[in-house]
Amino acid sequence: MPDAELPAGPAIPAGKPPARGRAVGPLAALPLFMNLHGRRALVAGDADGAAWKAELLAAAGAEVLLCAPAPGAALAALLARGPAAGSLRHLPRTWQRQDFAGLSLAVCHTADDGAAAAFAAAGRAAGVPVSLVDRPSLSDVTFGSIVERGPVVVGISTGGATPALAQAIRQRIETALPRSLGGWAATARLWRSRIAGRLPLPGLRSAFWRRFAERALAGAPPPEEAGMAALLADACATPGGRVTLVGAGPGDAGQLTLDAVRALQSADVILFDDLVSDAVLELARREARRMLVGKRAGRKTCQQADINALMLKLARQGRHVVRLKSGDPGIFGRGGEEIADLAAAGIPVAVVPGITAGVALAARLGISLTHRDMAHSVRFVTGHSRLGQLPDDLDWRGLADPETTTLFYMAGRTAAALAARLLAEGLPATTPAVVAVAIGRDGEDIWRGDLAALAAREAPPAADAPVLVAIGQVLAQAVLATSDSRAADIALPPAMTAAGA
């Protein structure tokens, strides 16, 4: 299948964007890399800053016209030794309007405000982009700090905030990039066409170059012919694409694991749930195709069978597919069904766990779900059946164990009913209870009370947000922190008194 031919995927509900998460935020300037080989450029000025700009342009292959009536020491030294590449022609005079004819870029270093404005106006009249040193308001182009590793060039700009910050960033990058990186880039240039011919599937090519880049950044010596041939043979032996099930957590991007970020950075396609936050999607590789495959109660959404079929289709094209799921893939995320379908089709699948909502809630409340003096177990329980009602096939007597912490997922519509059922099974009315809406996300709301108050609640939480109900003695301290009038009826367990806490 050609690179551009990607399946449309399951239908996305009306009014919902096809994918969330901007590929890039607002930019102070657009970073571009300009090809100046064999093109003419003008540098005007006598100062040392003009010398550096002239040397830089010539190093990029430009034919530099240097207008400098009285060259300073740096310019004189440059004229004496000559540029590393390109060419440099010195005119011992100030610039003239006819100098702008046929230029690709014009640079001026002057302390005179009037002269700077005149230079900028002349350049724009001639249709030539101009750069005025230390005058970003007059410039079409600004020069940032650079890190150079052979054909690899890293440009750094702070939007004119401060050159010192750009220099500090450059120094940090200098230490991070191995000196051998240029050799790897040169090797990639030589092998690029051969790799494209041997690996026609875009997913296989992407996987090959990612492995190539990982070795390059590790600081290993650039491979010779035999080494590249071995890398290519290994890529050809790969039967196809792969799928990684990634837990996105409840919403906070800071709670992603390193493996989750690595998977997002290496993905070709990302199939993400409706509850995955924009902050998480922002960490994905910019080139990755994002496809919303959310499933939400109460409205038309993607079917699980369609999602499974889409994963298989994309993986068979040789792509790395990341199935990005809210929370943890193994906790009420239907990850088991997806793993089974992929395994049956012979598609390699890996699972990257995420922080499930119940664990995130415990961290948010500052409690332990299994405090040894109050809870000998913790249970994760579905809060609704296939029909959206309270499940009738649960062990309700077992769930009414006072020494268990129970977390009911997707319980926004059944919270009062499940509380009543637990009361009927003998769980004390004063058992602490918490209802968390959109935990770890914008609009987070946490209600605290006891089992009796929960059973009496009339207004359910917002149906369009994820809802988690937690019940158990370990919640007592968190509930006592609320101003709810019923909280005073909750007895603080001995282990959570001032002496035992």
Protein backbone atom coordinates (compact mmCIF):
# COMPACT_ATOMS: atom_id res chain seq x y z
CA MET A 1 0.00 0.00 0.00
CA PRO A 2 1.43 3.45 -0.85
CA ASP A 3 2.58 5.64 2.00
CA ALA A 4 -0.28 8.09 1.59
CA GLU A 5 -2.97 5.41 1.62
CA LEU A 6 -4.19 5.07 5.18
CA PRO A 7 -7.62 3.68 6.04
CA ALA A 8 -10.17 6.20 7.17
CA GLY A 9 -10.87 4.21 10.34
CA PRO A 10 -14.14 3.90 12.25
CA ALA A 11 -16.67 6.69 12.01
CA ILE A 12 -16.09 9.59 14.39
CA PRO A 13 -19.15 11.06 16.11
CA ALA A 14 -20.57 14.22 14.60
CA GLY A 15 -19.17 17.39 16.10
CA LYS A 16 -16.00 15.66 17.31
CA PRO A 17 -12.65 16.54 15.71
CA PRO A 18 -10.90 13.62 14.00
CA ALA A 19 -7.88 13.92 16.28
CA ARG A 20 -6.90 16.06 19.21
CA GLY A 21 -3.53 17.42 20.20
CA ARG A 22 -1.82 20.12 18.19
CA ALA A 23 1.28 19.05 16.33
CA VAL A 24 2.95 22.30 17.39
CA GLY A 25 2.16 25.29 19.58
CA PRO A 26 2.56 28.97 18.71
CA LEU A 27 6.06 29.78 17.41
CA ALA A 28 8.00 33.00 17.90
CA ALA A 29 9.63 32.28 14.53
CA LEU A 30 9.60 29.51 11.96
CA PRO A 31 12.89 27.55 11.97
CA LEU A 32 14.07 26.97 8.41
CA PHE A 33 17.28 25.58 6.93
CA MET A 34 18.28 27.53 3.84
CA ASN A 35 20.27 26.06 0.96
CA LEU A 36 22.87 28.70 0.02
CA HIS A 37 25.20 26.57 -2.11
CA GLY A 38 26.22 28.63 -5.13
CA ARG A 39 23.89 31.50 -4.18
CA ARG A 40 24.82 35.11 -3.57
CA ALA A 41 24.64 36.78 -0.16
CA LEU A 42 25.58 40.22 1.10
CA VAL A 43 27.20 41.13 4.43
CA ALA A 44 27.61 44.81 5.27
CA GLY A 45 29.63 46.13 8.22
CA ASP A 46 33.12 46.36 9.68
CA ALA A 47 32.50 44.88 13.16
CA ASP A 48 33.48 41.45 14.42
CA GLY A 49 29.81 40.39 14.25
CA ALA A 50 29.85 40.95 10.50
CA ALA A 51 32.93 38.71 10.25
CA TRP A 52 31.13 35.84 11.96
CA LYS A 53 28.06 36.20 9.71
CA ALA A 54 30.22 36.28 6.57
CA GLU A 55 32.14 33.18 7.66
CA LEU A 56 28.91 31.38 8.49
CA LEU A 57 27.29 32.16 5.14
CA ALA A 58 30.38 31.11 3.24
CA ALA A 59 30.57 27.87 5.25
CA ALA A 60 27.04 27.16 4.01
CA GLY A 61 28.32 27.40 0.42
CA ALA A 62 27.28 30.98 -0.37
CA GLU A 63 29.12 33.42 -2.63
CA VAL A 64 29.47 36.24 -0.10
CA LEU A 65 29.84 39.87 -1.07
CA LEU A 66 31.41 41.69 1.91
CA CYS A 67 30.94 45.46 1.97
CA ALA A 68 33.33 46.76 4.65
CA PRO A 69 35.09 50.15 4.23
CA ALA A 70 37.37 49.63 7.25
CA PRO A 71 37.52 45.96 8.23
CA GLY A 72 38.11 45.24 11.91
CA ALA A 73 40.57 42.63 13.24
CA ALA A 74 38.15 39.71 12.87
CA LEU A 75 37.27 40.62 9.29
CA ALA A 76 40.93 41.11 8.40
CA ALA A 77 41.77 37.67 9.80
CA LEU A 78 38.91 36.08 7.86
CA LEU A 79 40.03 37.74 4.62
CA ALA A 80 43.58 36.54 5.23
CA ARG A 81 42.73 32.88 5.81
CA GLY A 82 39.69 32.56 3.54
CA PRO A 83 36.40 30.73 4.23
CA ALA A 84 36.00 26.98 4.81
CA ALA A 85 33.61 26.73 1.85
CA GLY A 86 31.83 28.97 -0.62
CA SER A 87 33.59 32.20 -1.56
CA LEU A 88 34.21 35.66 -0.12
CA ARG A 89 34.71 38.88 -2.13
CA HIS A 90 35.60 42.05 -0.26
CA LEU A 91 34.50 45.51 -1.44
CA PRO A 92 36.13 48.32 0.60
CA ARG A 93 33.05 50.53 0.53
CA THR A 94 29.57 50.84 2.02
CA TRP A 95 26.72 48.88 0.49
CA GLN A 96 24.75 50.24 -2.46
CA ARG A 97 21.26 49.51 -3.71
CA GLN A 98 22.52 47.71 -6.79
CA ASP A 99 24.32 45.23 -4.50
CA PHE A 100 20.94 43.62 -3.71
CA ALA A 101 20.40 42.38 -7.27
CA GLY A 102 20.26 38.58 -7.40
CA LEU A 103 20.80 38.06 -3.67
CA SER A 104 19.30 35.23 -1.63
CA LEU A 105 20.06 36.89 1.72
CA ALA A 106 21.40 40.21 3.01
CA VAL A 107 22.95 40.82 6.45
CA CYS A 108 23.95 44.12 8.05
CA HIS A 109 25.85 44.89 11.26
CA THR A 110 25.68 48.56 12.16
CA ALA A 111 25.22 50.69 15.28
CA ASP A 112 23.46 53.45 13.31
CA ASP A 113 19.66 53.20 13.58
CA GLY A 114 19.11 55.18 10.39
CA ALA A 115 21.54 53.06 8.40
CA ALA A 116 19.90 49.88 9.70
CA ALA A 117 16.43 51.06 8.65
CA ALA A 118 17.71 52.09 5.20
CA PHE A 119 19.34 48.66 4.71
CA ALA A 120 16.14 46.86 5.67
CA ALA A 121 14.08 49.03 3.32
CA ALA A 122 16.48 48.47 0.41
CA GLY A 123 16.41 44.72 0.91
CA ARG A 124 12.65 44.52 1.01
CA ALA A 125 12.34 46.75 -2.05
CA ALA A 126 14.55 44.26 -3.90
CA GLY A 127 12.61 41.26 -2.55
CA VAL A 128 15.59 40.02 -0.56
CA PRO A 129 15.19 38.70 3.03
CA VAL A 130 17.30 40.77 5.42
CA SER A 131 18.90 40.20 8.80
CA LEU A 132 19.92 43.17 10.96
CA VAL A 133 22.21 42.06 13.77
CA ASP A 134 20.62 42.74 17.18
CA ARG A 135 17.56 44.31 15.52
CA PRO A 136 14.91 41.56 15.30
CA SER A 137 12.13 44.08 14.63
CA LEU A 138 13.79 45.06 11.33
CA SER A 139 14.78 41.51 10.36
CA ASP A 140 13.08 38.91 8.20
CA VAL A 141 15.69 36.36 9.30
CA THR A 142 17.58 35.97 12.56
CA PHE A 143 20.62 33.84 13.31
CA GLY A 144 20.42 31.50 16.28
CA SER A 145 23.07 29.43 18.00
CA ILE A 146 24.09 26.30 16.11
CA VAL A 147 25.45 22.86 16.92
CA GLU A 148 27.23 21.24 13.98
CA ARG A 149 27.95 17.56 13.49
CA GLY A 150 28.89 17.16 9.81
CA PRO A 151 25.65 17.30 7.80
CA VAL A 152 23.68 17.43 11.05
CA VAL A 153 22.99 21.03 12.05
CA VAL A 154 20.93 22.01 15.09
CA GLY A 155 19.63 25.58 15.23
CA ILE A 156 18.56 27.23 18.49
CA SER A 157 16.47 30.36 18.87
CA THR A 158 14.94 32.01 21.93
CA GLY A 159 12.82 34.42 19.92
CA GLY A 160 15.15 37.25 20.80
CA ALA A 161 14.71 36.73 24.55
CA THR A 162 18.39 36.48 25.42
CA PRO A 163 21.50 35.21 23.61
CA ALA A 164 22.83 33.83 26.91
CA LEU A 165 19.95 31.34 27.13
CA ALA A 166 20.55 30.20 23.55
CA GLN A 167 24.24 29.69 24.34
CA ALA A 168 23.40 27.66 27.46
CA ILE A 169 21.06 25.45 25.44
CA ARG A 170 23.74 25.02 22.77
CA GLN A 171 26.26 23.88 25.36
CA ARG A 172 23.80 21.35 26.75
CA ILE A 173 23.11 19.95 23.28
CA GLU A 174 26.82 19.87 22.47
CA THR A 175 27.41 17.52 25.37
CA ALA A 176 24.45 15.32 24.43
CA LEU A 177 25.29 14.75 20.75
CA PRO A 178 28.25 12.43 20.07
CA ARG A 179 30.98 13.62 17.72
CA SER A 180 30.42 10.52 15.58
CA LEU A 181 26.89 11.67 14.68
CA GLY A 182 28.06 13.38 11.50
CA GLY A 183 29.47 10.08 10.21
CA TRP A 184 26.15 8.36 10.80
CA ALA A 185 24.32 11.11 8.92
CA ALA A 186 26.72 10.79 5.99
CA THR A 187 26.16 7.02 5.94
CA ALA A 188 22.38 7.54 5.95
CA ARG A 189 22.68 9.83 2.92
CA LEU A 190 24.61 7.14 1.00
CA TRP A 191 22.19 4.34 1.90
CA ARG A 192 18.86 6.13 1.70
CA SER A 193 17.90 5.05 -1.82
CA ARG A 194 19.01 1.46 -1.21
CA ILE A 195 16.94 1.27 1.98
CA ALA A 196 13.87 2.58 0.15
CA GLY A 197 14.28 -0.09 -2.52
CA ARG A 198 14.76 -2.97 -0.09
CA LEU A 199 12.08 -1.89 2.40
CA PRO A 200 9.04 -0.75 0.39
CA LEU A 201 6.64 -0.80 3.35
CA PRO A 202 6.70 2.56 5.14
CA GLY A 203 6.45 0.93 8.55
CA LEU A 204 9.53 -1.22 7.93
CA ARG A 205 11.49 1.78 6.70
CA SER A 206 10.49 3.80 9.75
CA ALA A 207 11.49 0.97 12.07
CA PHE A 208 14.86 0.61 10.32
CA TRP A 209 15.71 4.30 10.56
CA ARG A 210 14.62 4.46 14.20
CA ARG A 211 16.99 1.61 15.07
CA PHE A 212 19.68 3.36 13.01
CA ALA A 213 19.13 6.61 14.92
CA GLU A 214 19.23 4.87 18.31
CA ARG A 215 22.67 3.45 17.48
CA ALA A 216 23.87 6.80 16.18
CA LEU A 217 22.85 8.65 19.33
CA ALA A 218 24.46 5.97 21.49
CA GLY A 219 27.85 7.18 20.24
CA ALA A 220 28.87 4.04 18.37
CA PRO A 221 31.27 4.41 15.42
CA PRO A 222 29.48 4.85 12.05
CA PRO A 223 28.90 1.47 10.38
CA GLU A 224 30.88 0.29 7.39
CA GLU A 225 29.31 -1.47 4.41
CA ALA A 226 29.02 -4.80 6.24
CA GLY A 227 27.44 -3.20 9.28
CA MET A 228 24.76 -1.45 7.24
CA ALA A 229 24.09 -4.65 5.32
CA ALA A 230 23.54 -6.48 8.61
CA LEU A 231 21.12 -3.80 9.82
CA LEU A 232 19.20 -4.03 6.56
CA ALA A 233 19.05 -7.84 6.69
CA ASP A 234 17.64 -7.66 10.21
CA ALA A 235 14.94 -5.21 9.08
CA CYS A 236 14.02 -7.43 6.10
CA ALA A 237 13.55 -10.37 8.46
CA THR A 238 10.84 -8.48 10.35
CA PRO A 239 7.51 -10.04 9.27
CA GLY A 240 5.46 -6.86 9.50
CA GLY A 241 4.30 -4.15 11.81
CA ARG A 242 3.54 -4.28 15.49
CA VAL A 243 1.11 -2.91 18.03
CA THR A 244 1.85 -1.42 21.43
CA LEU A 245 -0.97 -1.00 23.93
CA VAL A 246 -0.08 2.05 26.00
CA GLY A 247 -1.68 3.19 29.24
CA ALA A 248 -2.13 6.97 29.14
CA GLY A 249 -3.12 7.25 32.81
CA PRO A 250 -6.07 9.35 33.97
CA GLY A 251 -5.00 12.46 32.04
CA ASP A 252 -1.92 14.09 33.57
CA ALA A 253 0.95 13.75 31.08
CA GLY A 254 3.41 13.84 33.97
CA GLN A 255 2.18 10.41 35.07
CA LEU A 256 3.24 8.67 31.85
CA THR A 257 6.03 6.12 32.10
CA LEU A 258 9.24 6.50 30.10
CA ASP A 259 8.24 3.46 28.04
CA ALA A 260 4.94 5.14 27.20
CA VAL A 261 6.72 8.26 25.95
CA ARG A 262 9.15 6.16 23.91
CA ALA A 263 6.24 4.30 22.30
CA LEU A 264 4.50 7.57 21.41
CA GLN A 265 7.74 8.91 19.94
CA SER A 266 8.19 5.85 17.70
CA ALA A 267 4.57 5.44 16.55
CA ASP A 268 3.47 5.62 12.93
CA VAL A 269 -0.22 5.66 13.84
CA ILE A 270 -1.89 6.38 17.19
CA LEU A 271 -5.40 5.08 17.88
CA PHE A 272 -6.50 6.94 20.97
CA ASP A 273 -9.45 6.84 23.34
CA ASP A 274 -11.88 9.67 23.86
CA LEU A 275 -10.56 10.26 27.40
CA VAL A 276 -6.91 10.62 26.44
CA SER A 277 -5.85 14.19 27.20
CA ASP A 278 -4.35 16.65 24.74
CA ALA A 279 -1.32 16.94 27.02
CA VAL A 280 -0.54 13.26 26.46
CA LEU A 281 -1.00 13.51 22.69
CA GLU A 282 1.39 16.47 22.60
CA LEU A 283 4.21 14.03 23.49
CA ALA A 284 3.69 11.92 20.38
CA ARG A 285 5.91 11.99 17.33
CA ARG A 286 4.73 14.91 15.21
CA GLU A 287 4.61 12.82 12.03
CA ALA A 288 2.40 10.14 13.60
CA ARG A 289 -1.15 9.87 12.27
CA ARG A 290 -3.66 10.37 15.11
CA MET A 291 -7.03 8.62 14.90
CA LEU A 292 -9.79 8.96 17.48
CA VAL A 293 -11.45 5.62 18.25
CA GLY A 294 -13.23 6.56 21.46
CA LYS A 295 -16.06 4.60 23.05
CA ARG A 296 -18.43 6.50 25.31
CA ALA A 297 -21.64 5.43 26.97
CA GLY A 298 -24.90 6.92 25.76
CA ARG A 299 -23.89 7.89 22.21
CA LYS A 300 -22.79 6.40 18.93
CA THR A 301 -19.11 5.53 18.98
CA CYS A 302 -16.57 3.16 17.46
CA GLN A 303 -17.22 -0.53 17.92
CA GLN A 304 -14.54 -2.72 19.47
CA ALA A 305 -14.56 -5.05 16.47
CA ASP A 306 -13.84 -2.10 14.17
CA ILE A 307 -10.94 -0.98 16.34
CA ASN A 308 -9.44 -4.48 16.34
CA ALA A 309 -9.78 -4.72 12.56
CA LEU A 310 -8.15 -1.32 12.09
CA MET A 311 -5.17 -2.29 14.26
CA LEU A 312 -4.68 -5.46 12.23
CA LYS A 313 -4.89 -3.62 8.92
CA LEU A 314 -2.38 -0.96 9.92
CA ALA A 315 0.07 -3.44 11.45
CA ARG A 316 -0.04 -5.61 8.31
CA GLN A 317 1.12 -2.57 6.36
CA GLY A 318 4.32 -2.66 8.43
CA ARG A 319 3.40 0.22 10.71
CA HIS A 320 4.01 0.63 14.41
CA VAL A 321 0.54 1.14 15.83
CA VAL A 322 0.13 2.57 19.32
CA ARG A 323 -3.23 1.85 20.89
CA LEU A 324 -3.39 4.65 23.45
CA LYS A 325 -5.86 3.87 26.22
CA SER A 326 -6.93 5.96 29.18
CA GLY A 327 -5.73 4.60 32.52
CA ASP A 328 -4.18 1.15 32.33
CA PRO A 329 -4.84 -1.14 29.31
CA GLY A 330 -5.54 -4.08 31.62
CA ILE A 331 -8.12 -2.38 33.87
CA PHE A 332 -11.55 -2.28 32.19
CA GLY A 333 -9.94 -1.21 28.93
CA ARG A 334 -10.79 -4.31 26.86
CA GLY A 335 -7.09 -4.76 26.30
CA GLY A 336 -7.46 -8.51 26.64
CA GLU A 337 -9.70 -8.70 23.58
CA GLU A 338 -7.29 -6.62 21.53
CA ILE A 339 -4.28 -8.68 22.61
CA ALA A 340 -6.10 -11.92 21.75
CA ASP A 341 -7.07 -10.74 18.24
CA LEU A 342 -3.57 -9.50 17.47
CA ALA A 343 -1.91 -12.67 18.80
CA ALA A 344 -4.28 -14.84 16.73
CA ALA A 345 -3.24 -12.90 13.62
CA GLY A 346 0.46 -13.26 14.41
CA ILE A 347 0.98 -9.54 15.03
CA PRO A 348 3.61 -8.77 17.69
CA VAL A 349 2.00 -6.89 20.57
CA ALA A 350 3.50 -5.27 23.64
CA VAL A 351 1.80 -3.69 26.63
CA VAL A 352 3.00 -0.56 28.42
CA PRO A 353 1.12 -0.20 31.71
CA GLY A 354 -0.36 3.08 32.86
CA ILE A 355 -1.55 4.54 36.14
CA THR A 356 -5.14 3.43 36.63
CA ALA A 357 -7.67 5.93 37.98
CA GLY A 358 -7.98 4.19 41.34
CA VAL A 359 -4.26 4.49 42.03
CA ALA A 360 -4.29 8.11 40.82
CA LEU A 361 -7.15 8.88 43.21
CA ALA A 362 -5.24 7.38 46.15
CA ALA A 363 -2.25 9.57 45.33
CA ARG A 364 -4.51 12.60 44.98
CA LEU A 365 -6.02 11.94 48.44
CA GLY A 366 -2.68 11.04 50.00
CA ILE A 367 -3.77 7.60 51.19
CA SER A 368 -2.76 3.96 50.84
CA LEU A 369 -5.39 1.68 49.36
CA THR A 370 -4.12 -1.23 51.47
CA HIS A 371 -3.26 0.25 54.87
CA ARG A 372 -2.37 -2.86 56.84
CA ASP A 373 -4.55 -1.91 59.84
CA MET A 374 -7.68 -1.22 57.78
CA ALA A 375 -7.69 -3.07 54.46
CA HIS A 376 -6.21 -6.46 53.64
CA SER A 377 -7.22 -6.23 49.98
CA VAL A 378 -8.25 -3.83 47.24
CA ARG A 379 -10.76 -4.60 44.51
CA PHE A 380 -11.31 -3.00 41.10
CA VAL A 381 -14.94 -3.52 40.13
CA THR A 382 -17.01 -2.45 37.14
CA GLY A 383 -19.72 -0.01 38.11
CA HIS A 384 -22.19 -0.91 35.37
CA SER A 385 -23.27 -3.83 33.23
CA ARG A 386 -23.50 -4.00 29.43
CA LEU A 387 -26.93 -2.40 29.74
CA GLY A 388 -25.59 0.51 31.78
CA GLN A 389 -27.25 -0.70 34.98
CA LEU A 390 -25.85 -1.98 38.26
CA PRO A 391 -24.29 -5.41 37.65
CA ASP A 392 -26.33 -8.20 39.24
CA ASP A 393 -23.69 -10.91 38.89
CA LEU A 394 -21.17 -9.49 41.37
CA ASP A 395 -20.36 -11.02 44.73
CA TRP A 396 -22.06 -8.25 46.69
CA ARG A 397 -21.67 -10.02 50.01
CA GLY A 398 -17.92 -10.27 49.41
CA LEU A 399 -17.78 -6.63 48.32
CA ALA A 400 -19.39 -5.65 51.63
CA ASP A 401 -16.25 -6.78 53.49
CA PRO A 402 -15.35 -3.86 55.84
CA GLU A 403 -11.63 -4.70 55.55
CA THR A 404 -11.56 -4.25 51.77
CA THR A 405 -11.06 -1.09 49.72
CA THR A 406 -13.36 -1.20 46.72
CA LEU A 407 -13.04 0.95 43.61
CA PHE A 408 -16.03 1.03 41.27
CA TYR A 409 -15.15 2.20 37.76
CA MET A 410 -17.62 3.86 35.36
CA ALA A 411 -20.12 4.26 38.19
CA GLY A 412 -21.50 7.72 37.44
CA ARG A 413 -25.06 6.48 36.95
CA THR A 414 -25.04 3.69 39.50
CA ALA A 415 -23.26 5.25 42.49
CA ALA A 416 -26.38 5.59 44.66
CA ALA A 417 -27.64 2.11 43.72
CA LEU A 418 -24.35 0.37 44.52
CA ALA A 419 -24.17 2.17 47.87
CA ALA A 420 -27.69 0.99 48.70
CA ARG A 421 -26.80 -2.57 47.73
CA LEU A 422 -23.73 -2.55 49.98
CA LEU A 423 -25.83 -1.20 52.86
CA ALA A 424 -28.30 -4.03 52.31
CA GLU A 425 -25.44 -6.53 52.53
CA GLY A 426 -24.45 -5.17 55.95
CA LEU A 427 -21.65 -2.69 55.25
CA PRO A 428 -21.90 0.05 57.96
CA ALA A 429 -23.61 3.27 56.91
CA THR A 430 -20.65 5.28 58.24
CA THR A 431 -18.15 3.59 55.89
CA PRO A 432 -16.21 6.37 54.16
CA ALA A 433 -16.96 6.96 50.47
CA VAL A 434 -15.48 9.16 47.76
CA VAL A 435 -16.77 9.96 44.28
CA ALA A 436 -14.11 11.29 41.89
CA VAL A 437 -15.11 12.91 38.60
CA ALA A 438 -12.44 13.45 35.92
CA ILE A 439 -9.59 12.63 38.31
CA GLY A 440 -6.32 14.15 37.13
CA ARG A 441 -8.02 16.17 34.39
CA ASP A 442 -9.42 19.65 33.89
CA GLY A 443 -12.73 19.86 35.73
CA GLU A 444 -11.71 17.39 38.43
CA ASP A 445 -14.28 17.19 41.24
CA ILE A 446 -14.15 15.02 44.36
CA TRP A 447 -17.15 14.40 46.64
CA ARG A 448 -16.49 12.96 50.11
CA GLY A 449 -18.93 11.47 52.57
CA ASP A 450 -20.10 8.11 53.85
CA LEU A 451 -22.04 5.18 52.42
CA ALA A 452 -25.41 6.45 53.67
CA ALA A 453 -24.87 9.88 52.11
CA LEU A 454 -23.80 8.28 48.86
CA ALA A 455 -26.96 6.16 48.75
CA ALA A 456 -29.06 9.31 49.26
CA ARG A 457 -27.41 11.31 46.47
CA GLU A 458 -29.93 12.37 43.86
CA ALA A 459 -27.92 14.21 41.22
CA PRO A 460 -25.38 11.95 39.49
CA PRO A 461 -22.02 13.34 38.40
CA ALA A 462 -21.63 14.60 34.85
CA ALA A 463 -22.34 11.67 32.56
CA ASP A 464 -19.73 12.75 30.03
CA ALA A 465 -16.79 12.55 32.45
CA PRO A 466 -15.12 9.43 33.90
CA VAL A 467 -16.46 8.67 37.37
CA LEU A 468 -14.82 6.53 40.04
CA VAL A 469 -16.44 5.53 43.35
CA ALA A 470 -14.15 4.48 46.21
CA ILE A 471 -15.43 2.86 49.42
CA GLY A 472 -13.49 1.70 52.45
CA GLN A 473 -12.01 2.60 55.83
CA VAL A 474 -8.72 3.78 54.29
CA LEU A 475 -10.66 6.82 53.04
CA ALA A 476 -11.58 8.04 56.52
CA GLN A 477 -8.82 10.63 56.85
CA ALA A 478 -9.59 12.04 53.38
CA VAL A 479 -13.31 12.25 54.16
CA LEU A 480 -12.75 13.97 57.51
CA ALA A 481 -10.92 16.73 55.62
CA THR A 482 -14.21 17.77 54.01
CA SER A 483 -16.79 20.16 55.43
CA ASP A 484 -19.62 17.75 54.60
CA SER A 485 -21.99 17.62 57.56
CA ARG A 486 -22.10 13.82 57.62
CA ALA A 487 -18.31 13.55 57.89
CA ALA A 488 -18.56 14.05 61.65
CA ASP A 489 -20.38 10.71 61.92
CA ILE A 490 -17.39 8.82 60.51
CA ALA A 491 -15.24 7.26 63.20
CA LEU A 492 -11.53 7.61 62.60
CA PRO A 493 -9.93 4.13 62.73
CA PRO A 494 -7.34 3.66 65.51
CA ALA A 495 -4.51 3.34 62.99
CA MET A 496 -5.24 6.83 61.68
CA THR A 497 -5.26 8.71 64.98
CA ALA A 498 -2.49 11.18 65.66
CA ALA A 499 -0.50 8.47 67.44
CA GLY A 500 -0.95 5.79 64.83
CA ALA A 501 -1.04 7.72 61.59
